[in-house]
C-alpha cells in the first residue's frame, strides 16, 4: 500500500482468504491457492479500491506485479521463488 512506483516484487499472505486494495495506487495480479499451493482463483489487473470477499478453501493469497499471471491456470501448482 502507498507505493507509487511500479511493483517488481510479490507478497505472500498465509492464512488469508480475502484482500482489499484500498490505498493502493496501481493495479495488481492476485493468485489465491489452497494449503498445497494449488491455484483456486486468479484475478488479473485487479484495480485499486476493490475487495475480494472471503473465498472457501483458500490458504495463501499472493499479490503480484501486474502481468505476472498470464501463464497461470486454475488447478496448476503455484511455484513461489525464495
N, C-alpha and C. Protein backbone atom coordinates (compact mmCIF):
# COMPACT_ATOMS: atom_id res chain seq x y z
N UNK A 1 0.84 -1.18 0.00
CA UNK A 1 0.00 0.00 0.00
C UNK A 1 0.89 1.25 0.00
N UNK A 2 0.38 2.31 -0.54
CA UNK A 2 1.03 3.61 -0.58
C UNK A 2 2.28 3.65 -1.47
N UNK A 3 2.50 2.62 -2.29
CA UNK A 3 3.67 2.60 -3.17
C UNK A 3 3.25 3.13 -4.54
N UNK A 4 3.96 4.14 -5.03
CA UNK A 4 3.60 4.74 -6.31
C UNK A 4 4.43 4.20 -7.47
N UNK A 5 5.66 3.75 -7.21
CA UNK A 5 6.47 3.22 -8.31
C UNK A 5 5.99 1.83 -8.69
N UNK A 6 6.27 1.44 -9.94
CA UNK A 6 5.81 0.15 -10.44
C UNK A 6 6.40 -0.98 -9.60
N UNK A 7 5.54 -1.90 -9.19
CA UNK A 7 5.98 -3.02 -8.35
C UNK A 7 6.83 -4.00 -9.15
N UNK A 8 7.88 -4.53 -8.53
CA UNK A 8 8.71 -5.56 -9.16
C UNK A 8 8.90 -6.75 -8.23
N UNK A 9 8.00 -6.88 -7.25
CA UNK A 9 8.07 -7.99 -6.30
C UNK A 9 6.65 -8.40 -5.92
N UNK A 10 6.51 -9.60 -5.39
CA UNK A 10 5.21 -10.09 -4.93
C UNK A 10 5.23 -10.28 -3.42
N UNK A 11 4.03 -10.41 -2.86
CA UNK A 11 3.89 -10.60 -1.42
C UNK A 11 2.96 -11.79 -1.19
N UNK A 12 3.35 -12.67 -0.27
CA UNK A 12 2.54 -13.83 0.09
C UNK A 12 1.91 -13.59 1.46
N UNK A 13 0.59 -13.81 1.54
CA UNK A 13 -0.12 -13.71 2.81
C UNK A 13 -0.65 -15.09 3.18
N UNK A 14 0.00 -15.79 4.13
CA UNK A 14 -0.51 -17.09 4.55
C UNK A 14 -1.75 -16.94 5.42
N UNK A 15 -2.59 -17.96 5.37
CA UNK A 15 -3.82 -17.99 6.17
C UNK A 15 -4.68 -16.75 5.89
N UNK A 16 -4.82 -16.43 4.60
CA UNK A 16 -5.54 -15.23 4.17
C UNK A 16 -6.43 -15.59 2.99
N UNK A 17 -7.74 -15.44 3.14
CA UNK A 17 -8.66 -15.82 2.07
C UNK A 17 -9.43 -14.64 1.48
N UNK A 18 -9.02 -13.42 1.80
CA UNK A 18 -9.65 -12.22 1.23
C UNK A 18 -8.65 -11.07 1.29
N UNK A 19 -8.80 -10.09 0.39
CA UNK A 19 -7.92 -8.92 0.42
C UNK A 19 -8.70 -7.68 0.00
N UNK A 20 -8.07 -6.54 0.22
CA UNK A 20 -8.59 -5.28 -0.33
C UNK A 20 -7.40 -4.54 -0.93
N UNK A 21 -7.70 -3.64 -1.84
CA UNK A 21 -6.65 -2.82 -2.45
C UNK A 21 -6.86 -1.35 -2.12
N UNK A 22 -7.40 -1.08 -0.95
CA UNK A 22 -7.55 0.30 -0.50
C UNK A 22 -6.15 0.91 -0.34
N UNK A 23 -6.00 2.16 -0.70
CA UNK A 23 -4.76 2.92 -0.58
C UNK A 23 -3.65 2.42 -1.48
N UNK A 24 -3.99 1.61 -2.49
CA UNK A 24 -3.02 1.20 -3.49
C UNK A 24 -3.16 2.14 -4.67
N UNK A 25 -2.07 2.42 -5.35
CA UNK A 25 -2.07 3.37 -6.45
C UNK A 25 -1.91 2.72 -7.80
N UNK A 26 -1.90 1.39 -7.85
CA UNK A 26 -1.76 0.69 -9.12
C UNK A 26 -2.49 -0.64 -9.06
N UNK A 27 -2.79 -1.17 -10.24
CA UNK A 27 -3.43 -2.48 -10.33
C UNK A 27 -2.40 -3.57 -10.06
N UNK A 28 -2.87 -4.72 -9.61
CA UNK A 28 -2.00 -5.87 -9.34
C UNK A 28 -2.67 -7.13 -9.87
N UNK A 29 -1.92 -8.22 -9.89
CA UNK A 29 -2.48 -9.54 -10.14
C UNK A 29 -2.54 -10.26 -8.80
N UNK A 30 -3.59 -11.06 -8.61
CA UNK A 30 -3.79 -11.78 -7.35
C UNK A 30 -3.99 -13.26 -7.65
N UNK A 31 -3.28 -14.11 -6.92
CA UNK A 31 -3.44 -15.56 -7.02
C UNK A 31 -3.80 -16.07 -5.64
N UNK A 32 -4.85 -16.88 -5.57
CA UNK A 32 -5.28 -17.48 -4.30
C UNK A 32 -5.18 -19.00 -4.43
N UNK A 33 -4.49 -19.62 -3.46
CA UNK A 33 -4.25 -21.06 -3.51
C UNK A 33 -4.71 -21.74 -2.23
N UNK A 34 -4.79 -23.06 -2.31
CA UNK A 34 -5.09 -23.83 -1.10
C UNK A 34 -3.79 -24.05 -0.33
N UNK A 35 -3.83 -24.84 0.72
CA UNK A 35 -2.65 -25.06 1.58
C UNK A 35 -1.53 -25.78 0.84
N UNK A 36 -1.86 -26.50 -0.25
CA UNK A 36 -0.86 -27.21 -1.05
C UNK A 36 -0.38 -26.38 -2.24
N UNK A 37 -0.78 -25.13 -2.31
CA UNK A 37 -0.43 -24.19 -3.38
C UNK A 37 -1.07 -24.53 -4.73
N UNK A 38 -2.18 -25.23 -4.72
CA UNK A 38 -2.96 -25.44 -5.95
C UNK A 38 -3.79 -24.18 -6.19
N UNK A 39 -3.68 -23.61 -7.38
CA UNK A 39 -4.35 -22.36 -7.68
C UNK A 39 -5.86 -22.56 -7.75
N UNK A 40 -6.57 -21.76 -6.95
CA UNK A 40 -8.03 -21.81 -6.93
C UNK A 40 -8.65 -20.61 -7.64
N UNK A 41 -8.01 -19.44 -7.53
CA UNK A 41 -8.53 -18.21 -8.13
C UNK A 41 -7.38 -17.38 -8.68
N UNK A 42 -7.62 -16.75 -9.82
CA UNK A 42 -6.67 -15.81 -10.41
C UNK A 42 -7.43 -14.54 -10.75
N UNK A 43 -6.92 -13.42 -10.29
CA UNK A 43 -7.51 -12.11 -10.61
C UNK A 43 -6.43 -11.30 -11.33
N UNK A 44 -6.64 -11.04 -12.60
CA UNK A 44 -5.69 -10.24 -13.37
C UNK A 44 -6.16 -8.80 -13.41
N UNK A 45 -5.20 -7.89 -13.34
CA UNK A 45 -5.48 -6.46 -13.43
C UNK A 45 -6.51 -6.03 -12.38
N UNK A 46 -6.27 -6.43 -11.14
CA UNK A 46 -7.17 -6.09 -10.03
C UNK A 46 -6.92 -4.64 -9.63
N UNK A 47 -7.93 -3.82 -9.76
CA UNK A 47 -7.83 -2.37 -9.61
C UNK A 47 -7.77 -1.93 -8.14
N UNK A 48 -7.22 -0.73 -7.92
CA UNK A 48 -7.24 -0.16 -6.56
C UNK A 48 -8.67 0.09 -6.07
N UNK A 49 -8.81 0.11 -4.75
CA UNK A 49 -10.08 0.38 -4.07
C UNK A 49 -11.13 -0.70 -4.32
N UNK A 50 -10.70 -1.94 -4.47
CA UNK A 50 -11.61 -3.08 -4.65
C UNK A 50 -11.41 -4.08 -3.51
N UNK A 51 -12.36 -5.01 -3.39
CA UNK A 51 -12.33 -6.03 -2.34
C UNK A 51 -12.55 -7.40 -2.98
N UNK A 52 -11.80 -8.39 -2.51
CA UNK A 52 -12.10 -9.79 -2.79
C UNK A 52 -12.63 -10.35 -1.48
N UNK A 53 -13.88 -10.72 -1.49
CA UNK A 53 -14.51 -11.27 -0.29
C UNK A 53 -13.94 -12.65 0.03
N UNK A 54 -14.09 -13.13 1.26
CA UNK A 54 -13.53 -14.42 1.65
C UNK A 54 -13.95 -15.55 0.71
N UNK A 55 -12.95 -16.36 0.35
CA UNK A 55 -13.15 -17.50 -0.54
C UNK A 55 -12.90 -18.80 0.21
N UNK A 56 -13.74 -19.77 -0.03
CA UNK A 56 -13.64 -21.07 0.64
C UNK A 56 -12.40 -21.82 0.17
N UNK A 57 -11.74 -22.49 1.09
CA UNK A 57 -10.57 -23.34 0.87
C UNK A 57 -9.29 -22.60 0.51
N UNK A 58 -9.29 -21.27 0.53
CA UNK A 58 -8.07 -20.51 0.23
C UNK A 58 -7.22 -20.40 1.48
N UNK A 59 -5.93 -20.68 1.33
CA UNK A 59 -4.99 -20.54 2.45
C UNK A 59 -3.94 -19.46 2.17
N UNK A 60 -3.36 -19.46 0.97
CA UNK A 60 -2.37 -18.45 0.60
C UNK A 60 -2.98 -17.46 -0.40
N UNK A 61 -2.68 -16.19 -0.21
CA UNK A 61 -3.03 -15.16 -1.18
C UNK A 61 -1.75 -14.44 -1.57
N UNK A 62 -1.50 -14.37 -2.88
CA UNK A 62 -0.31 -13.73 -3.42
C UNK A 62 -0.71 -12.47 -4.16
N UNK A 63 -0.10 -11.35 -3.80
CA UNK A 63 -0.25 -10.10 -4.54
C UNK A 63 1.00 -9.96 -5.39
N UNK A 64 0.81 -9.88 -6.71
CA UNK A 64 1.92 -9.92 -7.66
C UNK A 64 1.90 -8.70 -8.57
N UNK A 65 3.04 -8.37 -9.18
CA UNK A 65 3.06 -7.26 -10.13
C UNK A 65 2.12 -7.53 -11.30
N UNK A 66 1.58 -6.48 -11.85
CA UNK A 66 0.68 -6.58 -12.99
C UNK A 66 1.35 -7.33 -14.14
N UNK A 67 0.65 -8.30 -14.72
CA UNK A 67 1.16 -9.09 -15.84
C UNK A 67 1.88 -10.36 -15.44
N UNK A 68 1.93 -10.66 -14.15
CA UNK A 68 2.67 -11.83 -13.66
C UNK A 68 1.92 -13.15 -13.84
N UNK A 69 0.63 -13.10 -14.11
CA UNK A 69 -0.18 -14.33 -14.08
C UNK A 69 -0.62 -14.79 -15.47
N UNK A 70 -0.06 -14.23 -16.53
CA UNK A 70 -0.54 -14.56 -17.87
C UNK A 70 -0.34 -16.03 -18.26
N UNK A 71 0.61 -16.72 -17.63
CA UNK A 71 0.85 -18.12 -17.97
C UNK A 71 0.35 -19.10 -16.89
N UNK A 72 -0.46 -18.63 -15.96
CA UNK A 72 -1.00 -19.48 -14.90
C UNK A 72 -2.44 -19.89 -15.21
N UNK A 73 -2.83 -21.06 -14.72
CA UNK A 73 -4.18 -21.57 -14.89
C UNK A 73 -4.71 -22.11 -13.58
N UNK A 74 -6.04 -22.12 -13.46
CA UNK A 74 -6.68 -22.73 -12.29
C UNK A 74 -6.25 -24.19 -12.22
N UNK A 75 -6.02 -24.70 -11.03
CA UNK A 75 -5.60 -26.07 -10.72
C UNK A 75 -4.12 -26.34 -10.95
N UNK A 76 -3.35 -25.37 -11.49
CA UNK A 76 -1.90 -25.51 -11.55
C UNK A 76 -1.34 -25.40 -10.13
N UNK A 77 -0.14 -25.93 -9.93
CA UNK A 77 0.56 -25.71 -8.67
C UNK A 77 1.35 -24.41 -8.80
N UNK A 78 1.18 -23.51 -7.84
CA UNK A 78 1.90 -22.24 -7.87
C UNK A 78 3.27 -22.43 -7.30
N UNK A 79 4.29 -22.11 -8.07
CA UNK A 79 5.68 -22.25 -7.64
C UNK A 79 6.19 -20.90 -7.21
N UNK A 80 6.38 -20.71 -5.92
CA UNK A 80 6.93 -19.44 -5.44
C UNK A 80 8.43 -19.56 -5.36
N UNK A 81 9.11 -18.48 -5.70
CA UNK A 81 10.57 -18.44 -5.63
C UNK A 81 10.98 -17.75 -4.35
N UNK A 82 12.02 -18.23 -3.74
CA UNK A 82 12.51 -17.64 -2.49
C UNK A 82 13.32 -16.41 -2.74
